[in-house]
Amino acid sequence: MTVKNNVILNHEEINDKIRRIAFQIYETNVYETEVVLAGIDKNGYIFAKKLKSMLEKISSITPILCKVSIDKKNPLTEIKTSVSAEDYMNKSVVLVDDVLNSGTTLIYGVKHFLNVPLKQFKTAVLVNRNHKKYPVKADFKGISLSTSLHEHINIVLEGKTFEAVLE
């Protein structure tokens, strides 16, 4: 039996989701001068860069881009960020990833940022899979899917054509 790959979001749909999520982030932070977009390395960071670009087009908010490095296989190891804690202290932070699957990566990412006082903390994902092991939710999401645990979502955000594929 061959498994057929299904495109769940095409290039245009992904761009629409990026625009909509950027507007939601702007609405939530309308009185802020800065917002920290903390993208989880690799695809979460690429997604955060795209959100930053869109926020710069639609608002006067200055987005601060932060790369968050988490060992997804061993999330208890030290989490590193490309900006210091002083740079996000007392600011609004949005933790960004491409897919919310079990919630493990996001919950450990949230834990890291809670070591300093924040004005507000939100999460943004392109695809929410509804398979959470932890009580973490996506405040801003492109699409929610109920999938089986055996399925995988592959997101391509680089190159000429973006897509999200259910495999």
N, C-alpha and C. Protein backbone atom coordinates (compact mmCIF):
# COMPACT_ATOMS: atom_id res chain seq x y z
N MET A 1 0.83 -1.18 0.00
CA MET A 1 0.00 0.00 0.00
C MET A 1 0.88 1.25 0.00
N THR A 2 0.63 2.16 -0.89
CA THR A 2 1.40 3.40 -0.93
C THR A 2 0.63 4.48 -0.19
N VAL A 3 1.38 5.28 0.54
CA VAL A 3 0.79 6.38 1.28
C VAL A 3 0.91 7.63 0.41
N LYS A 4 -0.20 8.28 0.20
CA LYS A 4 -0.21 9.48 -0.62
C LYS A 4 0.03 10.70 0.26
N ASN A 5 0.95 11.56 -0.16
CA ASN A 5 1.18 12.80 0.57
C ASN A 5 0.09 13.79 0.22
N ASN A 6 -0.42 14.47 1.22
CA ASN A 6 -1.48 15.44 1.03
C ASN A 6 -0.97 16.83 1.40
N VAL A 7 -1.06 17.74 0.45
CA VAL A 7 -0.70 19.13 0.74
C VAL A 7 -1.85 19.73 1.54
N ILE A 8 -1.55 20.15 2.77
CA ILE A 8 -2.61 20.73 3.61
C ILE A 8 -2.60 22.26 3.53
N LEU A 9 -1.44 22.84 3.21
CA LEU A 9 -1.35 24.28 2.97
C LEU A 9 -0.40 24.50 1.79
N ASN A 10 -0.88 25.23 0.79
CA ASN A 10 0.01 25.53 -0.33
C ASN A 10 0.69 26.89 -0.08
N HIS A 11 1.49 27.31 -1.03
CA HIS A 11 2.29 28.53 -0.90
C HIS A 11 1.42 29.75 -0.58
N GLU A 12 0.38 29.94 -1.34
CA GLU A 12 -0.50 31.09 -1.16
C GLU A 12 -1.21 31.03 0.20
N GLU A 13 -1.65 29.84 0.59
CA GLU A 13 -2.33 29.68 1.88
C GLU A 13 -1.39 29.97 3.05
N ILE A 14 -0.14 29.52 2.94
CA ILE A 14 0.84 29.79 4.00
C ILE A 14 1.09 31.29 4.11
N ASN A 15 1.23 31.96 2.98
CA ASN A 15 1.42 33.41 3.02
C ASN A 15 0.22 34.11 3.64
N ASP A 16 -0.99 33.63 3.34
CA ASP A 16 -2.21 34.19 3.96
C ASP A 16 -2.20 33.99 5.47
N LYS A 17 -1.76 32.80 5.91
CA LYS A 17 -1.70 32.50 7.36
C LYS A 17 -0.68 33.40 8.05
N ILE A 18 0.46 33.61 7.40
CA ILE A 18 1.50 34.49 7.96
C ILE A 18 0.94 35.90 8.14
N ARG A 19 0.25 36.39 7.12
CA ARG A 19 -0.34 37.74 7.19
C ARG A 19 -1.38 37.82 8.31
N ARG A 20 -2.26 36.82 8.39
CA ARG A 20 -3.31 36.84 9.41
C ARG A 20 -2.72 36.77 10.81
N ILE A 21 -1.75 35.89 11.02
CA ILE A 21 -1.12 35.76 12.34
C ILE A 21 -0.39 37.05 12.70
N ALA A 22 0.27 37.69 11.73
CA ALA A 22 0.95 38.96 11.99
C ALA A 22 -0.06 40.01 12.44
N PHE A 23 -1.23 40.06 11.80
CA PHE A 23 -2.27 41.00 12.23
C PHE A 23 -2.76 40.68 13.64
N GLN A 24 -2.89 39.40 13.97
CA GLN A 24 -3.33 39.01 15.32
C GLN A 24 -2.29 39.42 16.36
N ILE A 25 -1.02 39.24 16.03
CA ILE A 25 0.06 39.66 16.95
C ILE A 25 0.01 41.18 17.12
N TYR A 26 -0.19 41.90 16.02
CA TYR A 26 -0.29 43.36 16.09
C TYR A 26 -1.47 43.79 16.96
N GLU A 27 -2.64 43.18 16.75
CA GLU A 27 -3.83 43.52 17.54
C GLU A 27 -3.61 43.27 19.03
N THR A 28 -2.92 42.20 19.35
CA THR A 28 -2.66 41.84 20.74
C THR A 28 -1.62 42.76 21.37
N ASN A 29 -0.80 43.39 20.54
CA ASN A 29 0.30 44.22 21.03
C ASN A 29 0.20 45.66 20.52
N VAL A 30 -1.00 46.11 20.25
CA VAL A 30 -1.21 47.41 19.61
C VAL A 30 -0.61 48.57 20.40
N TYR A 31 -0.51 48.46 21.72
CA TYR A 31 0.04 49.54 22.54
C TYR A 31 1.52 49.35 22.86
N GLU A 32 2.12 48.32 22.29
CA GLU A 32 3.55 48.07 22.51
C GLU A 32 4.39 48.74 21.41
N THR A 33 5.61 49.11 21.76
CA THR A 33 6.52 49.64 20.75
C THR A 33 7.38 48.52 20.17
N GLU A 34 7.57 47.45 20.96
CA GLU A 34 8.38 46.30 20.52
C GLU A 34 7.68 45.01 20.90
N VAL A 35 7.93 43.98 20.11
CA VAL A 35 7.48 42.63 20.45
C VAL A 35 8.61 41.68 20.07
N VAL A 36 8.88 40.72 20.94
CA VAL A 36 9.94 39.74 20.68
C VAL A 36 9.31 38.53 19.99
N LEU A 37 9.81 38.20 18.82
CA LEU A 37 9.39 37.00 18.09
C LEU A 37 10.48 35.96 18.30
N ALA A 38 10.21 35.01 19.18
CA ALA A 38 11.19 33.99 19.55
C ALA A 38 10.89 32.72 18.76
N GLY A 39 11.63 32.53 17.68
CA GLY A 39 11.41 31.38 16.80
C GLY A 39 12.26 30.20 17.19
N ILE A 40 11.61 29.05 17.30
CA ILE A 40 12.33 27.82 17.65
C ILE A 40 13.06 27.32 16.41
N ASP A 41 14.37 27.16 16.57
CA ASP A 41 15.24 26.76 15.46
C ASP A 41 14.77 25.43 14.90
N LYS A 42 14.60 25.33 13.78
CA LYS A 42 14.87 25.74 12.44
C LYS A 42 13.63 26.36 11.82
N ASN A 43 12.58 25.58 11.58
CA ASN A 43 11.41 26.12 10.89
C ASN A 43 10.67 27.18 11.70
N GLY A 44 10.65 27.05 13.02
CA GLY A 44 10.00 28.07 13.84
C GLY A 44 10.68 29.42 13.69
N TYR A 45 12.01 29.40 13.55
CA TYR A 45 12.77 30.63 13.37
C TYR A 45 12.50 31.23 11.98
N ILE A 46 12.43 30.38 10.97
CA ILE A 46 12.11 30.86 9.62
C ILE A 46 10.71 31.47 9.61
N PHE A 47 9.76 30.81 10.26
CA PHE A 47 8.40 31.32 10.38
C PHE A 47 8.41 32.67 11.11
N ALA A 48 9.19 32.79 12.19
CA ALA A 48 9.29 34.04 12.94
C ALA A 48 9.86 35.16 12.07
N LYS A 49 10.85 34.84 11.22
CA LYS A 49 11.42 35.85 10.31
C LYS A 49 10.36 36.36 9.34
N LYS A 50 9.51 35.47 8.86
CA LYS A 50 8.43 35.86 7.94
C LYS A 50 7.38 36.72 8.67
N LEU A 51 7.09 36.36 9.92
CA LEU A 51 6.16 37.17 10.72
C LEU A 51 6.76 38.56 10.98
N LYS A 52 8.06 38.61 11.24
CA LYS A 52 8.75 39.89 11.48
C LYS A 52 8.62 40.79 10.26
N SER A 53 8.88 40.24 9.09
CA SER A 53 8.79 41.00 7.85
C SER A 53 7.38 41.54 7.64
N MET A 54 6.37 40.70 7.91
CA MET A 54 4.98 41.13 7.73
C MET A 54 4.60 42.18 8.77
N LEU A 55 5.02 42.00 10.02
CA LEU A 55 4.72 42.99 11.07
C LEU A 55 5.30 44.36 10.73
N GLU A 56 6.50 44.36 10.15
CA GLU A 56 7.13 45.62 9.75
C GLU A 56 6.33 46.31 8.66
N LYS A 57 5.65 45.54 7.82
CA LYS A 57 4.84 46.12 6.74
C LYS A 57 3.52 46.68 7.24
N ILE A 58 2.92 46.03 8.24
CA ILE A 58 1.54 46.38 8.63
C ILE A 58 1.43 47.22 9.89
N SER A 59 2.55 47.42 10.61
CA SER A 59 2.44 48.10 11.90
C SER A 59 3.67 48.97 12.18
N SER A 60 3.57 49.75 13.25
CA SER A 60 4.70 50.57 13.69
C SER A 60 5.49 49.87 14.80
N ILE A 61 5.08 48.66 15.15
CA ILE A 61 5.78 47.89 16.19
C ILE A 61 7.14 47.44 15.65
N THR A 62 8.15 47.52 16.50
CA THR A 62 9.47 47.02 16.14
C THR A 62 9.58 45.57 16.60
N PRO A 63 9.60 44.61 15.66
CA PRO A 63 9.76 43.21 16.08
C PRO A 63 11.24 42.89 16.32
N ILE A 64 11.51 42.25 17.43
CA ILE A 64 12.86 41.81 17.77
C ILE A 64 12.90 40.31 17.51
N LEU A 65 13.77 39.88 16.61
CA LEU A 65 13.87 38.47 16.26
C LEU A 65 14.84 37.76 17.19
N CYS A 66 14.42 36.62 17.71
CA CYS A 66 15.22 35.84 18.64
C CYS A 66 15.19 34.38 18.20
N LYS A 67 16.36 33.78 18.02
CA LYS A 67 16.43 32.36 17.69
C LYS A 67 16.52 31.57 18.99
N VAL A 68 15.64 30.56 19.12
CA VAL A 68 15.60 29.72 20.31
C VAL A 68 16.10 28.33 19.92
N SER A 69 17.18 27.90 20.54
CA SER A 69 17.76 26.59 20.24
C SER A 69 17.40 25.61 21.34
N ILE A 70 16.59 24.62 20.96
CA ILE A 70 16.13 23.58 21.89
C ILE A 70 16.48 22.23 21.28
N ASP A 71 17.06 21.33 22.10
CA ASP A 71 17.28 19.96 21.66
C ASP A 71 15.92 19.25 21.77
N LYS A 72 15.25 19.07 20.64
CA LYS A 72 13.89 18.53 20.66
C LYS A 72 13.84 17.09 21.18
N LYS A 73 14.94 16.36 21.06
CA LYS A 73 14.98 14.99 21.56
C LYS A 73 15.24 14.95 23.07
N ASN A 74 15.90 15.99 23.58
CA ASN A 74 16.22 16.08 25.00
C ASN A 74 15.99 17.52 25.47
N PRO A 75 14.73 17.92 25.64
CA PRO A 75 14.43 19.33 25.93
C PRO A 75 14.87 19.82 27.31
N LEU A 76 15.34 18.92 28.16
CA LEU A 76 15.83 19.35 29.47
C LEU A 76 17.24 19.93 29.41
N THR A 77 17.93 19.75 28.28
CA THR A 77 19.25 20.35 28.14
C THR A 77 19.08 21.86 28.04
N GLU A 78 20.18 22.57 28.21
CA GLU A 78 20.11 24.04 28.23
C GLU A 78 19.53 24.60 26.93
N ILE A 79 18.61 25.52 27.09
CA ILE A 79 18.00 26.22 25.95
C ILE A 79 18.77 27.51 25.74
N LYS A 80 19.14 27.77 24.50
CA LYS A 80 19.91 28.98 24.19
C LYS A 80 19.06 29.92 23.34
N THR A 81 19.23 31.22 23.57
CA THR A 81 18.54 32.22 22.76
C THR A 81 19.58 33.17 22.16
N SER A 82 19.27 33.70 20.98
CA SER A 82 20.22 34.59 20.30
C SER A 82 20.22 36.00 20.89
N VAL A 83 19.27 36.30 21.76
CA VAL A 83 19.29 37.58 22.48
C VAL A 83 19.33 37.27 23.97
N SER A 84 19.86 38.22 24.74
CA SER A 84 19.99 37.99 26.18
C SER A 84 18.65 38.19 26.88
N ALA A 85 18.56 37.68 28.09
CA ALA A 85 17.33 37.80 28.88
C ALA A 85 16.97 39.27 29.09
N GLU A 86 17.95 40.14 29.22
CA GLU A 86 17.69 41.58 29.39
C GLU A 86 16.95 42.14 28.17
N ASP A 87 17.18 41.56 27.00
CA ASP A 87 16.56 42.05 25.76
C ASP A 87 15.08 41.69 25.66
N TYR A 88 14.63 40.68 26.40
CA TYR A 88 13.20 40.35 26.37
C TYR A 88 12.50 40.56 27.72
N MET A 89 13.26 40.95 28.73
CA MET A 89 12.68 41.21 30.04
C MET A 89 11.66 42.35 29.96
N ASN A 90 10.49 42.14 30.60
CA ASN A 90 9.42 43.14 30.65
C ASN A 90 8.89 43.52 29.27
N LYS A 91 9.00 42.60 28.32
CA LYS A 91 8.47 42.84 26.98
C LYS A 91 7.41 41.79 26.66
N SER A 92 6.71 42.03 25.58
CA SER A 92 5.75 41.06 25.06
C SER A 92 6.53 40.07 24.19
N VAL A 93 6.36 38.78 24.46
CA VAL A 93 7.08 37.73 23.74
C VAL A 93 6.09 36.80 23.06
N VAL A 94 6.39 36.45 21.81
CA VAL A 94 5.62 35.43 21.09
C VAL A 94 6.59 34.32 20.74
N LEU A 95 6.34 33.12 21.30
CA LEU A 95 7.15 31.95 20.98
C LEU A 95 6.56 31.32 19.72
N VAL A 96 7.39 31.15 18.69
CA VAL A 96 6.93 30.75 17.36
C VAL A 96 7.54 29.40 16.97
N ASP A 97 6.68 28.48 16.49
CA ASP A 97 7.16 27.21 15.93
C ASP A 97 6.30 26.86 14.73
N ASP A 98 6.77 25.92 13.93
CA ASP A 98 6.00 25.58 12.73
C ASP A 98 4.83 24.66 13.05
N VAL A 99 5.07 23.62 13.87
CA VAL A 99 4.01 22.64 14.18
C VAL A 99 3.93 22.44 15.69
N LEU A 100 2.72 22.49 16.24
CA LEU A 100 2.49 22.11 17.63
C LEU A 100 1.97 20.68 17.59
N ASN A 101 2.82 19.76 18.02
CA ASN A 101 2.47 18.34 17.98
C ASN A 101 2.11 17.89 19.39
N SER A 102 3.08 17.44 20.16
CA SER A 102 2.81 16.97 21.52
C SER A 102 2.83 18.11 22.53
N GLY A 103 3.45 19.23 22.16
CA GLY A 103 3.58 20.36 23.07
C GLY A 103 4.88 20.37 23.84
N THR A 104 5.69 19.33 23.69
CA THR A 104 6.95 19.23 24.44
C THR A 104 7.87 20.40 24.16
N THR A 105 8.13 20.69 22.89
CA THR A 105 9.05 21.78 22.54
C THR A 105 8.53 23.11 23.04
N LEU A 106 7.25 23.38 22.82
CA LEU A 106 6.70 24.67 23.26
C LEU A 106 6.72 24.81 24.78
N ILE A 107 6.38 23.77 25.52
CA ILE A 107 6.30 23.91 26.98
C ILE A 107 7.67 24.18 27.58
N TYR A 108 8.72 23.53 27.05
CA TYR A 108 10.07 23.80 27.54
C TYR A 108 10.55 25.16 27.09
N GLY A 109 10.12 25.60 25.91
CA GLY A 109 10.43 26.96 25.46
C GLY A 109 9.77 27.99 26.35
N VAL A 110 8.50 27.76 26.70
CA VAL A 110 7.78 28.65 27.62
C VAL A 110 8.52 28.72 28.95
N LYS A 111 8.89 27.54 29.48
CA LYS A 111 9.59 27.47 30.77
C LYS A 111 10.85 28.34 30.77
N HIS A 112 11.59 28.30 29.68
CA HIS A 112 12.83 29.10 29.59
C HIS A 112 12.54 30.60 29.73
N PHE A 113 11.52 31.08 29.04
CA PHE A 113 11.23 32.51 29.04
C PHE A 113 10.63 32.99 30.36
N LEU A 114 10.09 32.09 31.14
CA LEU A 114 9.48 32.48 32.41
C LEU A 114 10.50 32.72 33.52
N ASN A 115 11.78 32.62 33.19
CA ASN A 115 12.83 32.91 34.18
C ASN A 115 12.98 34.41 34.43
N VAL A 116 12.36 35.24 33.58
CA VAL A 116 12.41 36.69 33.76
C VAL A 116 10.99 37.23 33.68
N PRO A 117 10.73 38.40 34.28
CA PRO A 117 9.37 38.96 34.16
C PRO A 117 9.08 39.41 32.72
N LEU A 118 7.87 39.10 32.27
CA LEU A 118 7.44 39.48 30.93
C LEU A 118 6.15 40.28 31.03
N LYS A 119 5.91 41.15 30.05
CA LYS A 119 4.63 41.86 29.99
C LYS A 119 3.52 40.92 29.58
N GLN A 120 3.85 40.07 28.61
CA GLN A 120 2.85 39.17 28.04
C GLN A 120 3.59 38.05 27.33
N PHE A 121 2.98 36.88 27.29
CA PHE A 121 3.60 35.74 26.59
C PHE A 121 2.52 35.03 25.78
N LYS A 122 2.78 34.85 24.49
CA LYS A 122 1.85 34.17 23.59
C LYS A 122 2.63 33.15 22.76
N THR A 123 1.89 32.25 22.12
CA THR A 123 2.51 31.27 21.23
C THR A 123 1.86 31.34 19.86
N ALA A 124 2.65 31.07 18.83
CA ALA A 124 2.14 31.07 17.45
C ALA A 124 2.71 29.85 16.72
N VAL A 125 1.83 29.12 16.02
CA VAL A 125 2.24 27.99 15.21
C VAL A 125 1.51 28.03 13.88
N LEU A 126 2.13 27.46 12.87
CA LEU A 126 1.49 27.38 11.56
C LEU A 126 0.46 26.26 11.55
N VAL A 127 0.81 25.10 12.15
CA VAL A 127 -0.09 23.95 12.19
C VAL A 127 -0.20 23.45 13.63
N ASN A 128 -1.43 23.33 14.13
CA ASN A 128 -1.71 22.78 15.45
C ASN A 128 -2.29 21.39 15.25
N ARG A 129 -1.61 20.36 15.75
CA ARG A 129 -2.02 18.97 15.48
C ARG A 129 -2.97 18.37 16.51
N ASN A 130 -3.23 19.02 17.60
CA ASN A 130 -4.18 18.51 18.60
C ASN A 130 -3.77 17.18 19.23
N HIS A 131 -2.47 16.98 19.47
CA HIS A 131 -1.98 15.75 20.13
C HIS A 131 -1.17 16.08 21.37
N LYS A 132 -1.64 16.96 22.19
CA LYS A 132 -0.80 17.49 23.25
C LYS A 132 -0.65 16.56 24.45
N LYS A 133 0.60 16.47 24.94
CA LYS A 133 0.91 15.78 26.19
C LYS A 133 0.96 16.78 27.33
N TYR A 134 1.10 18.07 27.00
CA TYR A 134 1.27 19.12 28.00
C TYR A 134 0.18 20.18 27.83
N PRO A 135 -0.11 20.91 28.91
CA PRO A 135 -1.15 21.93 28.84
C PRO A 135 -0.63 23.22 28.21
N VAL A 136 -0.31 23.15 26.94
CA VAL A 136 0.17 24.32 26.21
C VAL A 136 -0.73 24.48 24.98
N LYS A 137 -1.04 25.73 24.66
CA LYS A 137 -1.91 25.96 23.52
C LYS A 137 -1.27 26.98 22.60
N ALA A 138 -1.74 26.98 21.38
CA ALA A 138 -1.30 27.99 20.41
C ALA A 138 -2.29 29.15 20.47
N ASP A 139 -1.79 30.33 20.82
CA ASP A 139 -2.65 31.50 20.84
C ASP A 139 -2.99 31.95 19.42
N PHE A 140 -2.00 31.82 18.53
CA PHE A 140 -2.19 32.18 17.13
C PHE A 140 -1.83 30.94 16.31
N LYS A 141 -2.74 30.48 15.47
CA LYS A 141 -2.46 29.28 14.67
C LYS A 141 -2.98 29.46 13.26
N GLY A 142 -2.24 28.89 12.32
CA GLY A 142 -2.64 28.95 10.93
C GLY A 142 -3.79 28.00 10.65
N ILE A 143 -3.63 26.74 11.10
CA ILE A 143 -4.64 25.71 10.86
C ILE A 143 -4.57 24.69 11.99
N SER A 144 -5.70 24.13 12.37
CA SER A 144 -5.75 23.03 13.34
C SER A 144 -6.17 21.77 12.62
N LEU A 145 -5.46 20.68 12.90
CA LEU A 145 -5.75 19.39 12.27
C LEU A 145 -5.80 18.30 13.32
N SER A 146 -6.74 17.40 13.17
CA SER A 146 -6.72 16.18 13.98
C SER A 146 -6.11 15.11 13.09
N THR A 147 -4.94 14.64 13.47
CA THR A 147 -4.21 13.65 12.69
C THR A 147 -3.94 12.44 13.56
N SER A 148 -3.55 11.35 12.93
CA SER A 148 -3.16 10.17 13.73
C SER A 148 -1.73 10.36 14.21
N LEU A 149 -1.37 9.65 15.25
CA LEU A 149 -0.01 9.74 15.78
C LEU A 149 1.03 9.23 14.79
N HIS A 150 0.61 8.40 13.83
CA HIS A 150 1.54 7.83 12.86
C HIS A 150 1.84 8.78 11.71
N GLU A 151 1.03 9.82 11.58
CA GLU A 151 1.23 10.77 10.50
C GLU A 151 2.25 11.84 10.90
N HIS A 152 2.85 12.43 9.89
CA HIS A 152 3.87 13.46 10.10
C HIS A 152 3.52 14.66 9.23
N ILE A 153 3.79 15.84 9.74
CA ILE A 153 3.59 17.05 8.94
C ILE A 153 4.96 17.64 8.63
N ASN A 154 5.22 17.80 7.34
CA ASN A 154 6.48 18.38 6.88
C ASN A 154 6.18 19.77 6.33
N ILE A 155 6.89 20.76 6.85
CA ILE A 155 6.66 22.15 6.43
C ILE A 155 7.91 22.65 5.71
N VAL A 156 7.71 23.24 4.54
CA VAL A 156 8.79 23.83 3.77
C VAL A 156 8.52 25.33 3.70
N LEU A 157 9.43 26.13 4.30
CA LEU A 157 9.27 27.58 4.32
C LEU A 157 10.41 28.30 3.62
N GLU A 158 11.26 27.55 2.94
CA GLU A 158 12.38 28.15 2.21
C GLU A 158 12.24 27.81 0.74
N GLY A 159 12.92 28.59 -0.09
CA GLY A 159 12.85 28.35 -1.52
C GLY A 159 11.70 29.11 -2.15
N LYS A 160 11.35 28.72 -3.37
CA LYS A 160 10.33 29.45 -4.12
C LYS A 160 8.92 29.05 -3.74
N THR A 161 8.73 27.82 -3.26
CA THR A 161 7.38 27.34 -2.96
C THR A 161 7.32 26.82 -1.53
N PHE A 162 6.44 27.43 -0.74
CA PHE A 162 6.20 26.96 0.63
C PHE A 162 5.07 25.96 0.57
N GLU A 163 5.12 24.96 1.48
CA GLU A 163 3.99 24.05 1.59
C GLU A 163 4.05 23.32 2.91
N ALA A 164 2.88 22.85 3.33
CA ALA A 164 2.75 21.97 4.49
C ALA A 164 2.12 20.69 3.97
N VAL A 165 2.79 19.57 4.22
CA VAL A 165 2.37 18.28 3.68
C VAL A 165 2.15 17.29 4.80
N LEU A 166 1.02 16.59 4.75
CA LEU A 166 0.73 15.51 5.68
C LEU A 166 1.25 14.23 5.06
N GLU A 167 2.14 13.57 5.78
CA GLU A 167 2.78 12.33 5.25
C GLU A 167 2.37 11.13 6.08
